[in-house]
Amino acid sequence: MEILDHVMDALDVETFLICDSEEEGRALALELIKEMGFKDFDIVNLDYQGVGARVRVRAYIHRSGDKYGWLQLPKEVN
């Protein structure tokens, strides 16, 4: 089991990226999440604020109907 098998659905990554436009902020956010190794993601919020963009990207570990890793975790018996 890997740590991401414990994630129910997705991870949100939120940060402020220094950039010159909303388009550049979007491109940087996509580059960041890809560089982190995620392949399935959406930009859920991007707010350009003059010197940069506040961005939140959702990286999906499990989409609806996937084979959920957390279902395979051993159950504790008390």
Protein backbone atom coordinates (compact mmCIF):
# COMPACT_ATOMS: atom_id res chain seq x y z
CA MET A 1 0.00 0.00 0.00
CA GLU A 2 1.10 3.53 -0.75
CA ILE A 3 0.09 6.64 1.15
CA LEU A 4 -2.12 7.80 -1.74
CA ASP A 5 -4.18 4.61 -1.31
CA HIS A 6 -5.48 6.21 1.90
CA VAL A 7 -6.88 9.24 0.02
CA MET A 8 -10.62 8.93 -0.52
CA ASP A 9 -10.86 11.00 -3.69
CA ALA A 10 -8.53 13.94 -4.41
CA LEU A 11 -5.89 16.34 -3.15
CA ASP A 12 -6.19 20.10 -3.44
CA VAL A 13 -3.01 22.10 -4.01
CA GLU A 14 -3.40 25.83 -3.37
CA THR A 15 -0.70 28.47 -3.75
CA PHE A 16 0.07 31.96 -5.02
CA LEU A 17 2.09 31.99 -8.25
CA ILE A 18 4.00 35.10 -9.33
CA CYS A 19 3.04 35.74 -12.96
CA ASP A 20 2.13 38.48 -15.45
CA SER A 21 -1.34 37.30 -16.49
CA GLU A 22 -4.15 34.86 -15.79
CA GLU A 23 -3.04 32.78 -18.78
CA GLU A 24 0.52 32.52 -17.44
CA GLY A 25 -0.84 31.62 -13.99
CA ARG A 26 -2.92 28.82 -15.53
CA ALA A 27 0.09 27.49 -17.48
CA LEU A 28 2.30 27.58 -14.37
CA ALA A 29 -0.33 25.80 -12.27
CA LEU A 30 -0.62 23.01 -14.84
CA GLU A 31 3.16 22.70 -15.07
CA LEU A 32 3.41 22.52 -11.26
CA ILE A 33 0.82 19.77 -10.83
CA LYS A 34 2.30 17.73 -13.70
CA GLU A 35 5.79 18.14 -12.21
CA MET A 36 4.38 16.76 -8.93
CA GLY A 37 3.50 13.59 -10.86
CA PHE A 38 -0.28 13.91 -11.15
CA LYS A 39 -2.01 13.01 -14.40
CA ASP A 40 -5.69 13.64 -13.62
CA PHE A 41 -6.46 17.15 -12.36
CA ASP A 42 -8.61 20.25 -12.74
CA ILE A 43 -8.00 23.90 -11.96
CA VAL A 44 -10.88 24.63 -9.60
CA ASN A 45 -10.03 28.26 -8.86
CA LEU A 46 -7.74 30.87 -10.37
CA ASP A 47 -7.84 34.51 -9.30
CA TYR A 48 -5.32 36.85 -10.95
CA GLN A 49 -4.40 39.72 -8.60
CA GLY A 50 -2.01 42.01 -10.47
CA VAL A 51 1.34 40.52 -9.41
CA GLY A 52 0.29 36.90 -9.56
CA ALA A 53 -2.51 34.40 -9.26
CA ARG A 54 -4.07 32.55 -6.34
CA VAL A 55 -4.67 29.09 -7.77
CA ARG A 56 -6.21 25.86 -6.50
CA VAL A 57 -5.71 22.65 -8.46
CA ARG A 58 -7.53 19.40 -7.59
CA ALA A 59 -5.46 16.28 -8.32
CA TYR A 60 -7.70 13.23 -8.49
CA ILE A 61 -6.43 10.05 -6.92
CA HIS A 62 -9.78 8.26 -7.38
CA ARG A 63 -12.66 9.36 -9.59
CA SER A 64 -16.18 8.07 -9.12
CA GLY A 65 -16.32 4.40 -10.08
CA ASP A 66 -12.56 3.80 -9.83
CA LYS A 67 -11.04 0.88 -7.96
CA TYR A 68 -10.56 2.58 -4.61
CA GLY A 69 -7.26 1.83 -2.86
CA TRP A 70 -8.75 2.53 0.55
CA LEU A 71 -11.18 -0.38 0.12
CA GLN A 72 -8.20 -2.73 0.06
CA LEU A 73 -6.75 -1.50 3.36
CA PRO A 74 -6.59 -4.08 6.15
CA LYS A 75 -9.30 -3.64 8.76
CA GLU A 76 -8.30 -3.23 12.40
CA VAL A 77 -9.83 -5.71 14.79
CA ASN A 78 -10.32 -4.56 18.39
